[in-house]
Protein backbone atom coordinates (compact mmCIF):
# COMPACT_ATOMS: atom_id res chain seq x y z
CA MET A 1 -0.07 -0.04 -0.17
CA ALA A 2 0.92 3.75 -0.55
CA ARG A 3 1.55 6.54 1.82
CA TRP A 4 -0.41 9.63 1.16
CA LEU A 5 -0.14 13.21 2.24
CA VAL A 6 -3.57 14.93 2.18
CA THR A 7 -4.12 18.51 2.96
CA GLY A 8 -7.38 20.03 4.46
CA CYS A 9 -8.47 16.85 6.40
CA SER A 10 -10.48 18.59 9.02
CA THR A 11 -13.50 18.99 6.49
CA GLY A 12 -14.76 18.57 3.12
CA PHE A 13 -12.82 16.93 0.13
CA GLY A 14 -9.78 16.44 1.92
CA ARG A 15 -11.19 14.73 4.62
CA GLU A 16 -13.15 12.39 2.35
CA ILE A 17 -9.98 11.59 0.33
CA ALA A 18 -8.06 10.75 3.27
CA ARG A 19 -10.91 8.53 4.71
CA ALA A 20 -11.21 6.98 1.38
CA ALA A 21 -7.67 6.13 1.11
CA LEU A 22 -7.58 4.82 4.83
CA GLU A 23 -10.58 2.82 4.09
CA ASP A 24 -8.63 1.15 1.21
CA GLY A 25 -5.85 0.17 3.24
CA HIS A 26 -3.16 3.01 2.80
CA SER A 27 -1.29 4.92 5.18
CA VAL A 28 -2.11 8.85 5.23
CA VAL A 29 -0.38 11.97 6.74
CA VAL A 30 -3.64 13.72 7.45
CA THR A 31 -3.07 17.34 7.97
CA ALA A 32 -5.13 20.41 9.19
CA ARG A 33 -4.33 23.76 10.63
CA ARG A 34 -4.82 22.28 13.90
CA ALA A 35 -3.74 18.52 14.34
CA ASP A 36 -6.42 18.19 17.08
CA ALA A 37 -8.97 18.70 14.18
CA VAL A 38 -8.17 15.29 12.81
CA ALA A 39 -7.47 13.38 15.99
CA ASP A 40 -10.52 11.29 15.24
CA LEU A 41 -8.94 9.75 12.03
CA VAL A 42 -6.01 8.98 14.18
CA ASP A 43 -8.15 7.28 16.73
CA GLU A 44 -10.12 5.40 14.18
CA PHE A 45 -7.38 4.21 11.84
CA GLY A 46 -4.59 3.97 14.33
CA ASP A 47 -0.87 3.58 13.19
CA ARG A 48 -1.78 4.01 9.43
CA THR A 49 -2.48 7.91 10.24
CA LEU A 50 -0.21 10.47 11.19
CA ALA A 51 -1.79 13.83 12.15
CA VAL A 52 0.52 16.96 11.16
CA ALA A 53 -0.48 20.59 11.79
CA LEU A 54 -0.25 22.24 8.25
CA ASP A 55 -1.24 25.58 7.25
CA VAL A 56 -0.48 25.79 3.53
CA THR A 57 0.26 29.38 3.44
CA ASP A 58 3.23 28.84 5.83
CA ALA A 59 6.40 27.66 3.71
CA ALA A 60 8.10 26.36 6.93
CA GLN A 61 5.22 24.19 7.90
CA ILE A 62 5.04 22.61 4.57
CA ALA A 63 8.68 21.77 4.49
CA ALA A 64 8.16 20.13 7.94
CA SER A 65 5.21 18.17 7.09
CA VAL A 66 6.85 16.62 4.01
CA THR A 67 9.82 15.54 6.01
CA SER A 68 7.40 13.89 8.81
């Protein structure tokens, strides 16, 4: 299985894409401005998820999330 990095996982398309990938057995780095906004995905899917705080307008956060 693949590892995905999906932005905007707290709501909307990002959340649905992350959920679909997780349900298909992939590992997903789930990102949101606040990592606690995606804690439920980590609780549900366990070690196949990694929650990372990411504001896509912050270049330093982008670099840090890619190296996670």
